[in-house]
PDB file of N, CA and C in Angstrom:
ATOM      1  N   MET A   1      -1.601 -15.606   1.564  1.00  0.00           N
ATOM      2  CA  MET A   1      -0.330 -15.004   1.193  1.00  0.00           C
ATOM      3  C   MET A   1       0.265 -14.370   2.442  1.00  0.00           C
ATOM      4  N   LEU A   2       1.482 -14.755   2.748  1.00  0.00           N
ATOM      5  CA  LEU A   2       2.193 -14.209   3.895  1.00  0.00           C
ATOM      6  C   LEU A   2       2.935 -12.951   3.464  1.00  0.00           C
ATOM      7  N   LEU A   3       2.742 -11.866   4.210  1.00  0.00           N
ATOM      8  CA  LEU A   3       3.430 -10.599   3.946  1.00  0.00           C
ATOM      9  C   LEU A   3       4.248 -10.230   5.174  1.00  0.00           C
ATOM     10  N   VAL A   4       5.528  -9.939   4.985  1.00  0.00           N
ATOM     11  CA  VAL A   4       6.384  -9.513   6.096  1.00  0.00           C
ATOM     12  C   VAL A   4       7.245  -8.334   5.656  1.00  0.00           C
ATOM     13  N   ASN A   5       7.654  -7.533   6.623  1.00  0.00           N
ATOM     14  CA  ASN A   5       8.517  -6.401   6.286  1.00  0.00           C
ATOM     15  C   ASN A   5       9.973  -6.684   6.635  1.00  0.00           C
ATOM     16  N   THR A   6      10.310  -7.959   6.783  1.00  0.00           N
ATOM     17  CA  THR A   6      11.691  -8.380   7.016  1.00  0.00           C
ATOM     18  C   THR A   6      12.189  -9.119   5.782  1.00  0.00           C
ATOM     19  N   ASP A   7      13.502  -9.387   5.728  1.00  0.00           N
ATOM     20  CA  ASP A   7      14.037 -10.102   4.571  1.00  0.00           C
ATOM     21  C   ASP A   7      14.134 -11.603   4.828  1.00  0.00           C
ATOM     22  N   TYR A   8      13.513 -12.073   5.910  1.00  0.00           N
ATOM     23  CA  TYR A   8      13.523 -13.491   6.243  1.00  0.00           C
ATOM     24  C   TYR A   8      12.172 -13.869   6.846  1.00  0.00           C
ATOM     25  N   ILE A   9      11.904 -15.168   6.861  1.00  0.00           N
ATOM     26  CA  ILE A   9      10.742 -15.715   7.545  1.00  0.00           C
ATOM     27  C   ILE A   9      11.279 -16.859   8.388  1.00  0.00           C
ATOM     28  N   THR A  10      11.180 -16.743   9.683  1.00  0.00           N
ATOM     29  CA  THR A  10      11.745 -17.725  10.600  1.00  0.00           C
ATOM     30  C   THR A  10      11.273 -19.135  10.243  1.00  0.00           C
ATOM     31  N   GLY A  11      12.240 -20.035  10.090  1.00  0.00           N
ATOM     32  CA  GLY A  11      11.940 -21.433   9.808  1.00  0.00           C
ATOM     33  C   GLY A  11      11.648 -21.742   8.352  1.00  0.00           C
ATOM     34  N   LYS A  12      11.761 -20.770   7.474  1.00  0.00           N
ATOM     35  CA  LYS A  12      11.454 -20.982   6.058  1.00  0.00           C
ATOM     36  C   LYS A  12      12.683 -20.713   5.199  1.00  0.00           C
ATOM     37  N   THR A  13      12.858 -21.541   4.194  1.00  0.00           N
ATOM     38  CA  THR A  13      13.857 -21.318   3.167  1.00  0.00           C
ATOM     39  C   THR A  13      13.094 -21.023   1.887  1.00  0.00           C
ATOM     40  N   PHE A  14      13.567 -20.049   1.145  1.00  0.00           N
ATOM     41  CA  PHE A  14      12.825 -19.680  -0.059  1.00  0.00           C
ATOM     42  C   PHE A  14      13.732 -19.195  -1.163  1.00  0.00           C
ATOM     43  N   GLU A  15      13.185 -19.206  -2.364  1.00  0.00           N
ATOM     44  CA  GLU A  15      13.873 -18.637  -3.518  1.00  0.00           C
ATOM     45  C   GLU A  15      13.125 -17.378  -3.926  1.00  0.00           C
ATOM     46  N   MET A  16      13.874 -16.381  -4.347  1.00  0.00           N
ATOM     47  CA  MET A  16      13.263 -15.115  -4.765  1.00  0.00           C
ATOM     48  C   MET A  16      12.738 -15.225  -6.188  1.00  0.00           C
ATOM     49  N   LEU A  17      11.530 -14.710  -6.382  1.00  0.00           N
ATOM     50  CA  LEU A  17      10.908 -14.712  -7.703  1.00  0.00           C
ATOM     51  C   LEU A  17      11.000 -13.355  -8.386  1.00  0.00           C
ATOM     52  N   GLY A  18      11.104 -12.301  -7.595  1.00  0.00           N
ATOM     53  CA  GLY A  18      11.228 -10.971  -8.187  1.00  0.00           C
ATOM     54  C   GLY A  18      10.403  -9.921  -7.472  1.00  0.00           C
ATOM     55  N   LEU A  19      10.589  -8.708  -7.917  1.00  0.00           N
ATOM     56  CA  LEU A  19       9.886  -7.552  -7.361  1.00  0.00           C
ATOM     57  C   LEU A  19       8.415  -7.598  -7.752  1.00  0.00           C
ATOM     58  N   VAL A  20       7.552  -7.318  -6.784  1.00  0.00           N
ATOM     59  CA  VAL A  20       6.125  -7.175  -7.059  1.00  0.00           C
ATOM     60  C   VAL A  20       5.666  -5.852  -6.475  1.00  0.00           C
ATOM     61  N   LYS A  21       4.661  -5.263  -7.121  1.00  0.00           N
ATOM     62  CA  LYS A  21       4.175  -3.979  -6.638  1.00  0.00           C
ATOM     63  C   LYS A  21       2.708  -3.822  -6.990  1.00  0.00           C
ATOM     64  N   GLY A  22       2.097  -2.920  -6.281  1.00  0.00           N
ATOM     65  CA  GLY A  22       0.725  -2.548  -6.563  1.00  0.00           C
ATOM     66  C   GLY A  22       0.584  -1.082  -6.232  1.00  0.00           C
ATOM     67  N   SER A  23      -0.259  -0.385  -6.975  1.00  0.00           N
ATOM     68  CA  SER A  23      -0.415   1.043  -6.694  1.00  0.00           C
ATOM     69  C   SER A  23      -1.833   1.485  -6.983  1.00  0.00           C
ATOM     70  N   THR A  24      -2.179   2.629  -6.438  1.00  0.00           N
ATOM     71  CA  THR A  24      -3.448   3.271  -6.720  1.00  0.00           C
ATOM     72  C   THR A  24      -3.266   4.768  -6.533  1.00  0.00           C
ATOM     73  N   ILE A  25      -4.070   5.519  -7.229  1.00  0.00           N
ATOM     74  CA  ILE A  25      -4.094   6.973  -7.054  1.00  0.00           C
ATOM     75  C   ILE A  25      -5.485   7.330  -6.567  1.00  0.00           C
ATOM     76  N   GLN A  26      -5.529   8.018  -5.455  1.00  0.00           N
ATOM     77  CA  GLN A  26      -6.792   8.409  -4.848  1.00  0.00           C
ATOM     78  C   GLN A  26      -6.924   9.930  -4.905  1.00  0.00           C
ATOM     79  N   ALA A  27      -8.094  10.387  -5.276  1.00  0.00           N
ATOM     80  CA  ALA A  27      -8.379  11.827  -5.309  1.00  0.00           C
ATOM     81  C   ALA A  27      -9.379  12.147  -4.210  1.00  0.00           C
ATOM     82  N   LYS A  28      -9.275  13.339  -3.678  1.00  0.00           N
ATOM     83  CA  LYS A  28     -10.199  13.785  -2.641  1.00  0.00           C
ATOM     84  C   LYS A  28     -11.492  14.279  -3.268  1.00  0.00           C
ATOM     85  N   HIS A  29     -12.583  13.933  -2.669  1.00  0.00           N
ATOM     86  CA  HIS A  29     -13.896  14.430  -3.074  1.00  0.00           C
ATOM     87  C   HIS A  29     -13.967  15.900  -2.676  1.00  0.00           C
ATOM     88  N   ILE A  30     -14.398  16.773  -3.570  1.00  0.00           N
ATOM     89  CA  ILE A  30     -14.377  18.219  -3.317  1.00  0.00           C
ATOM     90  C   ILE A  30     -15.171  18.597  -2.072  1.00  0.00           C
ATOM     91  N   GLY A  31     -16.317  17.945  -1.857  1.00  0.00           N
ATOM     92  CA  GLY A  31     -17.110  18.232  -0.648  1.00  0.00           C
ATOM     93  C   GLY A  31     -16.356  17.865   0.622  1.00  0.00           C
ATOM     94  N   LYS A  32     -15.709  16.707   0.588  1.00  0.00           N
ATOM     95  CA  LYS A  32     -14.913  16.270   1.740  1.00  0.00           C
ATOM     96  C   LYS A  32     -13.714  17.188   1.932  1.00  0.00           C
ATOM     97  N   ASP A  33     -13.127  17.629   0.812  1.00  0.00           N
ATOM     98  CA  ASP A  33     -11.958  18.495   0.878  1.00  0.00           C
ATOM     99  C   ASP A  33     -12.303  19.808   1.582  1.00  0.00           C
ATOM    100  N   ILE A  34     -13.453  20.381   1.257  1.00  0.00           N
ATOM    101  CA  ILE A  34     -13.885  21.627   1.901  1.00  0.00           C
ATOM    102  C   ILE A  34     -14.117  21.407   3.386  1.00  0.00           C
ATOM    103  N   ALA A  35     -14.806  20.308   3.719  1.00  0.00           N
ATOM    104  CA  ALA A  35     -15.075  19.997   5.132  1.00  0.00           C
ATOM    105  C   ALA A  35     -13.777  19.793   5.911  1.00  0.00           C
ATOM    106  N   GLN A  36     -12.814  19.090   5.302  1.00  0.00           N
ATOM    107  CA  GLN A  36     -11.546  18.845   5.976  1.00  0.00           C
ATOM    108  C   GLN A  36     -10.720  20.121   6.083  1.00  0.00           C
ATOM    109  N   GLY A  37     -10.898  21.046   5.131  1.00  0.00           N
ATOM    110  CA  GLY A  37     -10.217  22.341   5.211  1.00  0.00           C
ATOM    111  C   GLY A  37     -10.658  23.108   6.444  1.00  0.00           C
ATOM    112  N   PHE A  38     -11.958  23.089   6.723  1.00  0.00           N
ATOM    113  CA  PHE A  38     -12.458  23.736   7.939  1.00  0.00           C
ATOM    114  C   PHE A  38     -11.908  23.031   9.177  1.00  0.00           C
ATOM    115  N   LYS A  39     -11.850  21.711   9.131  1.00  0.00           N
ATOM    116  CA  LYS A  39     -11.347  20.937  10.270  1.00  0.00           C
ATOM    117  C   LYS A  39      -9.881  21.270  10.530  1.00  0.00           C
ATOM    118  N   SER A  40      -9.101  21.464   9.465  1.00  0.00           N
ATOM    119  CA  SER A  40      -7.678  21.749   9.648  1.00  0.00           C
ATOM    120  C   SER A  40      -7.460  23.105  10.315  1.00  0.00           C
ATOM    121  N   MET A  41      -8.390  24.031  10.123  1.00  0.00           N
ATOM    122  CA  MET A  41      -8.263  25.336  10.777  1.00  0.00           C
ATOM    123  C   MET A  41      -8.514  25.215  12.279  1.00  0.00           C
ATOM    124  N   ALA A  42      -9.413  24.304  12.653  1.00  0.00           N
ATOM    125  CA  ALA A  42      -9.749  24.124  14.069  1.00  0.00           C
ATOM    126  C   ALA A  42      -8.785  23.178  14.759  1.00  0.00           C
ATOM    127  N   GLY A  43      -8.097  22.350  14.000  1.00  0.00           N
ATOM    128  CA  GLY A  43      -7.186  21.374  14.580  1.00  0.00           C
ATOM    129  C   GLY A  43      -7.863  20.034  14.786  1.00  0.00           C
ATOM    130  N   GLY A  44      -7.065  19.002  14.949  1.00  0.00           N
ATOM    131  CA  GLY A  44      -7.591  17.669  15.166  1.00  0.00           C
ATOM    132  C   GLY A  44      -7.321  16.748  13.985  1.00  0.00           C
ATOM    133  N   GLU A  45      -7.763  15.517  14.150  1.00  0.00           N
ATOM    134  CA  GLU A  45      -7.537  14.496  13.133  1.00  0.00           C
ATOM    135  C   GLU A  45      -8.407  14.744  11.905  1.00  0.00           C
ATOM    136  N   LEU A  46      -7.817  14.576  10.736  1.00  0.00           N
ATOM    137  CA  LEU A  46      -8.549  14.692   9.479  1.00  0.00           C
ATOM    138  C   LEU A  46      -9.010  13.280   9.100  1.00  0.00           C
ATOM    139  N   ARG A  47     -10.052  12.827   9.743  1.00  0.00           N
ATOM    140  CA  ARG A  47     -10.507  11.441   9.658  1.00  0.00           C
ATOM    141  C   ARG A  47     -10.811  10.988   8.229  1.00  0.00           C
ATOM    142  N   MET A  48     -11.448  11.836   7.432  1.00  0.00           N
ATOM    143  CA  MET A  48     -11.802  11.429   6.062  1.00  0.00           C
ATOM    144  C   MET A  48     -10.560  11.174   5.214  1.00  0.00           C
ATOM    145  N   TYR A  49      -9.508  11.971   5.415  1.00  0.00           N
ATOM    146  CA  TYR A  49      -8.258  11.732   4.693  1.00  0.00           C
ATOM    147  C   TYR A  49      -7.608  10.445   5.180  1.00  0.00           C
ATOM    148  N   GLY A  50      -7.669  10.214   6.472  1.00  0.00           N
ATOM    149  CA  GLY A  50      -7.124   8.972   7.028  1.00  0.00           C
ATOM    150  C   GLY A  50      -7.811   7.752   6.449  1.00  0.00           C
ATOM    151  N   GLU A  51      -9.136   7.821   6.347  1.00  0.00           N
ATOM    152  CA  GLU A  51      -9.903   6.713   5.761  1.00  0.00           C
ATOM    153  C   GLU A  51      -9.548   6.515   4.294  1.00  0.00           C
ATOM    154  N   MET A  52      -9.366   7.622   3.562  1.00  0.00           N
ATOM    155  CA  MET A  52      -9.002   7.533   2.153  1.00  0.00           C
ATOM    156  C   MET A  52      -7.638   6.855   1.994  1.00  0.00           C
ATOM    157  N   MET A  53      -6.677   7.209   2.831  1.00  0.00           N
ATOM    158  CA  MET A  53      -5.341   6.635   2.721  1.00  0.00           C
ATOM    159  C   MET A  53      -5.333   5.166   3.155  1.00  0.00           C
ATOM    160  N   THR A  54      -6.142   4.809   4.141  1.00  0.00           N
ATOM    161  CA  THR A  54      -6.255   3.406   4.550  1.00  0.00           C
ATOM    162  C   THR A  54      -6.805   2.572   3.401  1.00  0.00           C
ATOM    163  N   GLU A  55      -7.830   3.086   2.734  1.00  0.00           N
ATOM    164  CA  GLU A  55      -8.400   2.388   1.580  1.00  0.00           C
ATOM    165  C   GLU A  55      -7.362   2.273   0.455  1.00  0.00           C
ATOM    166  N   ALA A  56      -6.612   3.332   0.218  1.00  0.00           N
ATOM    167  CA  ALA A  56      -5.594   3.316  -0.837  1.00  0.00           C
ATOM    168  C   ALA A  56      -4.512   2.276  -0.531  1.00  0.00           C
ATOM    169  N   ARG A  57      -4.057   2.184   0.722  1.00  0.00           N
ATOM    170  CA  ARG A  57      -3.054   1.173   1.090  1.00  0.00           C
ATOM    171  C   ARG A  57      -3.605  -0.234   0.876  1.00  0.00           C
ATOM    172  N   SER A  58      -4.871  -0.434   1.209  1.00  0.00           N
ATOM    173  CA  SER A  58      -5.503  -1.740   1.032  1.00  0.00           C
ATOM    174  C   SER A  58      -5.561  -2.130  -0.446  1.00  0.00           C
ATOM    175  N   ILE A  59      -5.946  -1.205  -1.300  1.00  0.00           N
ATOM    176  CA  ILE A  59      -6.010  -1.471  -2.744  1.00  0.00           C
ATOM    177  C   ILE A  59      -4.619  -1.790  -3.284  1.00  0.00           C
ATOM    178  N   ALA A  60      -3.627  -0.984  -2.909  1.00  0.00           N
ATOM    179  CA  ALA A  60      -2.262  -1.205  -3.386  1.00  0.00           C
ATOM    180  C   ALA A  60      -1.738  -2.559  -2.916  1.00  0.00           C
ATOM    181  N   THR A  61      -2.037  -2.936  -1.675  1.00  0.00           N
ATOM    182  CA  THR A  61      -1.602  -4.224  -1.137  1.00  0.00           C
ATOM    183  C   THR A  61      -2.236  -5.368  -1.914  1.00  0.00           C
ATOM    184  N   GLU A  62      -3.533  -5.284  -2.171  1.00  0.00           N
ATOM    185  CA  GLU A  62      -4.218  -6.339  -2.924  1.00  0.00           C
ATOM    186  C   GLU A  62      -3.635  -6.489  -4.329  1.00  0.00           C
ATOM    187  N   ARG A  63      -3.289  -5.391  -4.954  1.00  0.00           N
ATOM    188  CA  ARG A  63      -2.696  -5.452  -6.295  1.00  0.00           C
ATOM    189  C   ARG A  63      -1.304  -6.075  -6.256  1.00  0.00           C
ATOM    190  N   MET A  64      -0.540  -5.782  -5.203  1.00  0.00           N
ATOM    191  CA  MET A  64       0.780  -6.393  -5.038  1.00  0.00           C
ATOM    192  C   MET A  64       0.630  -7.899  -4.828  1.00  0.00           C
ATOM    193  N   ILE A  65      -0.320  -8.302  -3.990  1.00  0.00           N
ATOM    194  CA  ILE A  65      -0.564  -9.724  -3.735  1.00  0.00           C
ATOM    195  C   ILE A  65      -0.952 -10.438  -5.029  1.00  0.00           C
ATOM    196  N   GLN A  66      -1.797  -9.820  -5.832  1.00  0.00           N
ATOM    197  CA  GLN A  66      -2.204 -10.426  -7.104  1.00  0.00           C
ATOM    198  C   GLN A  66      -1.002 -10.657  -8.006  1.00  0.00           C
ATOM    199  N   GLU A  67      -0.101  -9.687  -8.064  1.00  0.00           N
ATOM    200  CA  GLU A  67       1.106  -9.841  -8.881  1.00  0.00           C
ATOM    201  C   GLU A  67       1.952 -10.997  -8.362  1.00  0.00           C
ATOM    202  N   ALA A  68       2.065 -11.109  -7.031  1.00  0.00           N
ATOM    203  CA  ALA A  68       2.844 -12.194  -6.425  1.00  0.00           C
ATOM    204  C   ALA A  68       2.195 -13.550  -6.716  1.00  0.00           C
ATOM    205  N   GLU A  69       0.879 -13.631  -6.605  1.00  0.00           N
ATOM    206  CA  GLU A  69       0.177 -14.883  -6.895  1.00  0.00           C
ATOM    207  C   GLU A  69       0.354 -15.281  -8.354  1.00  0.00           C
ATOM    208  N   ASN A  70       0.385 -14.310  -9.246  1.00  0.00           N
ATOM    209  CA  ASN A  70       0.608 -14.603 -10.670  1.00  0.00           C
ATOM    210  C   ASN A  70       1.977 -15.219 -10.922  1.00  0.00           C
ATOM    211  N   LEU A  71       2.941 -14.944 -10.040  1.00  0.00           N
ATOM    212  CA  LEU A  71       4.279 -15.536 -10.146  1.00  0.00           C
ATOM    213  C   LEU A  71       4.366 -16.878  -9.439  1.00  0.00           C
ATOM    214  N   GLY A  72       3.311 -17.260  -8.725  1.00  0.00           N
ATOM    215  CA  GLY A  72       3.322 -18.511  -7.961  1.00  0.00           C
ATOM    216  C   GLY A  72       3.963 -18.374  -6.594  1.00  0.00           C
ATOM    217  N   ALA A  73       3.997 -17.170  -6.058  1.00  0.00           N
ATOM    218  CA  ALA A  73       4.656 -16.909  -4.774  1.00  0.00           C
ATOM    219  C   ALA A  73       3.855 -17.455  -3.590  1.00  0.00           C
ATOM    220  N   ASP A  74       4.587 -17.775  -2.536  1.00  0.00           N
ATOM    221  CA  ASP A  74       3.985 -18.174  -1.265  1.00  0.00           C
ATOM    222  C   ASP A  74       3.950 -17.008  -0.283  1.00  0.00           C
ATOM    223  N   ALA A  75       4.826 -16.024  -0.512  1.00  0.00           N
ATOM    224  CA  ALA A  75       4.938 -14.900   0.413  1.00  0.00           C
ATOM    225  C   ALA A  75       5.572 -13.713  -0.299  1.00  0.00           C
ATOM    226  N   VAL A  76       5.485 -12.560   0.363  1.00  0.00           N
ATOM    227  CA  VAL A  76       6.196 -11.364  -0.093  1.00  0.00           C
ATOM    228  C   VAL A  76       6.994 -10.858   1.103  1.00  0.00           C
ATOM    229  N   VAL A  77       8.298 -10.727   0.916  1.00  0.00           N
ATOM    230  CA  VAL A  77       9.171 -10.230   1.981  1.00  0.00           C
ATOM    231  C   VAL A  77       9.582  -8.798   1.678  1.00  0.00           C
ATOM    232  N   ASN A  78      10.080  -8.115   2.698  1.00  0.00           N
ATOM    233  CA  ASN A  78      10.522  -6.716   2.574  1.00  0.00           C
ATOM    234  C   ASN A  78       9.415  -5.808   2.052  1.00  0.00           C
ATOM    235  N   VAL A  79       8.202  -6.004   2.542  1.00  0.00           N
ATOM    236  CA  VAL A  79       7.073  -5.194   2.098  1.00  0.00           C
ATOM    237  C   VAL A  79       7.265  -3.758   2.573  1.00  0.00           C
ATOM    238  N   ARG A  80       7.073  -2.833   1.667  1.00  0.00           N
ATOM    239  CA  ARG A  80       7.201  -1.406   1.959  1.00  0.00           C
ATOM    240  C   ARG A  80       6.052  -0.656   1.307  1.00  0.00           C
ATOM    241  N   TYR A  81       5.782   0.528   1.835  1.00  0.00           N
ATOM    242  CA  TYR A  81       4.769   1.424   1.273  1.00  0.00           C
ATOM    243  C   TYR A  81       5.400   2.783   1.048  1.00  0.00           C
ATOM    244  N   THR A  82       4.978   3.429  -0.002  1.00  0.00           N
ATOM    245  CA  THR A  82       5.403   4.797  -0.245  1.00  0.00           C
ATOM    246  C   THR A  82       4.202   5.589  -0.757  1.00  0.00           C
ATOM    247  N   THR A  83       4.188   6.854  -0.437  1.00  0.00           N
ATOM    248  CA  THR A  83       3.097   7.735  -0.841  1.00  0.00           C
ATOM    249  C   THR A  83       3.698   8.988  -1.461  1.00  0.00           C
ATOM    250  N   SER A  84       3.057   9.457  -2.516  1.00  0.00           N
ATOM    251  CA  SER A  84       3.518  10.708  -3.115  1.00  0.00           C
ATOM    252  C   SER A  84       2.320  11.492  -3.628  1.00  0.00           C
ATOM    253  N   SER A  85       2.487  12.782  -3.620  1.00  0.00           N
ATOM    254  CA  SER A  85       1.455  13.665  -4.142  1.00  0.00           C
ATOM    255  C   SER A  85       1.594  13.709  -5.656  1.00  0.00           C
ATOM    256  N   ILE A  86       0.512  13.444  -6.360  1.00  0.00           N
ATOM    257  CA  ILE A  86       0.525  13.445  -7.817  1.00  0.00           C
ATOM    258  C   ILE A  86       0.174  14.834  -8.330  1.00  0.00           C
ATOM    259  N   MET A  87      -0.807  15.429  -7.724  1.00  0.00           N
ATOM    260  CA  MET A  87      -1.263  16.770  -8.051  1.00  0.00           C
ATOM    261  C   MET A  87      -2.047  17.257  -6.846  1.00  0.00           C
ATOM    262  N   GLN A  88      -2.462  18.503  -6.859  1.00  0.00           N
ATOM    263  CA  GLN A  88      -3.274  18.988  -5.754  1.00  0.00           C
ATOM    264  C   GLN A  88      -4.525  18.118  -5.670  1.00  0.00           C
ATOM    265  N   ASN A  89      -4.820  17.625  -4.505  1.00  0.00           N
ATOM    266  CA  ASN A  89      -5.998  16.794  -4.231  1.00  0.00           C
ATOM    267  C   ASN A  89      -5.876  15.337  -4.663  1.00  0.00           C
ATOM    268  N   ALA A  90      -4.686  14.839  -5.017  1.00  0.00           N
ATOM    269  CA  ALA A  90      -4.537  13.437  -5.391  1.00  0.00           C
ATOM    270  C   ALA A  90      -3.206  12.897  -4.882  1.00  0.00           C
ATOM    271  N   ALA A  91      -3.237  11.645  -4.399  1.00  0.00           N
ATOM    272  CA  ALA A  91      -2.029  11.007  -3.892  1.00  0.00           C
ATOM    273  C   ALA A  91      -1.930   9.589  -4.432  1.00  0.00           C
ATOM    274  N   GLU A  92      -0.694   9.147  -4.670  1.00  0.00           N
ATOM    275  CA  GLU A  92      -0.452   7.773  -5.096  1.00  0.00           C
ATOM    276  C   GLU A  92       0.115   6.998  -3.919  1.00  0.00           C
ATOM    277  N   VAL A  93      -0.361   5.779  -3.729  1.00  0.00           N
ATOM    278  CA  VAL A  93       0.183   4.864  -2.731  1.00  0.00           C
ATOM    279  C   VAL A  93       0.716   3.659  -3.492  1.00  0.00           C
ATOM    280  N   VAL A  94       1.958   3.264  -3.184  1.00  0.00           N
ATOM    281  CA  VAL A  94       2.586   2.106  -3.808  1.00  0.00           C
ATOM    282  C   VAL A  94       2.972   1.136  -2.701  1.00  0.00           C
ATOM    283  N   ALA A  95       2.608  -0.141  -2.890  1.00  0.00           N
ATOM    284  CA  ALA A  95       3.057  -1.235  -2.008  1.00  0.00           C
ATOM    285  C   ALA A  95       4.008  -2.066  -2.848  1.00  0.00           C
ATOM    286  N   TYR A  96       5.166  -2.446  -2.282  1.00  0.00           N
ATOM    287  CA  TYR A  96       6.113  -3.243  -3.048  1.00  0.00           C
ATOM    288  C   TYR A  96       6.914  -4.149  -2.133  1.00  0.00           C
ATOM    289  N   GLY A  97       7.448  -5.201  -2.711  1.00  0.00           N
ATOM    290  CA  GLY A  97       8.244  -6.165  -1.955  1.00  0.00           C
ATOM    291  C   GLY A  97       8.819  -7.198  -2.912  1.00  0.00           C
ATOM    292  N   THR A  98       9.401  -8.248  -2.330  1.00  0.00           N
ATOM    293  CA  THR A  98       9.991  -9.318  -3.111  1.00  0.00           C
ATOM    294  C   THR A  98       9.145 -10.575  -2.958  1.00  0.00           C
ATOM    295  N   ALA A  99       8.649 -11.078  -4.088  1.00  0.00           N
ATOM    296  CA  ALA A  99       7.882 -12.325  -4.085  1.00  0.00           C
ATOM    297  C   ALA A  99       8.841 -13.499  -3.902  1.00  0.00           C
ATOM    298  N   VAL A 100       8.450 -14.452  -3.048  1.00  0.00           N
ATOM    299  CA  VAL A 100       9.282 -15.619  -2.786  1.00  0.00           C
ATOM    300  C   VAL A 100       8.443 -16.891  -2.825  1.00  0.00           C
ATOM    301  N   LYS A 101       9.125 -18.001  -3.134  1.00  0.00           N
ATOM    302  CA  LYS A 101       8.515 -19.341  -3.134  1.00  0.00           C
ATOM    303  C   LYS A 101       9.270 -20.188  -2.140  1.00  0.00           C
ATOM    304  N   PHE A 102       8.525 -20.868  -1.260  1.00  0.00           N
ATOM    305  CA  PHE A 102       9.164 -21.726  -0.265  1.00  0.00           C
ATOM    306  C   PHE A 102       9.777 -22.944  -0.934  1.00  0.00           C
ATOM    307  N   VAL A 103      10.965 -23.324  -0.448  1.00  0.00           N
ATOM    308  CA  VAL A 103      11.684 -24.485  -0.979  1.00  0.00           C
ATOM    309  C   VAL A 103      11.349 -25.704  -0.152  1.00  0.00           C
TER     310      VAL A 103
END
């Protein structure tokens, strides 16, 4: 599955199939949260949160791809990601784009 963040794919003509999306909500492990709280006081990268968000983006992307494959898509154009806080200690990541079929 080809994923691009542009509204075109050089050399390809396609028809739009529709919006596809995937999402996940990730919560912080309380032990990790305490450790990262200490790290934030000292400064520096919060590596465990970074790893959690990378995993969340991967899950959301896979779910978006599955939705596109269910439509018979060859690619997803205009891929975007958004993140929002759901509650204290939890964040939602959404991947979305337009599923297309090559002509």
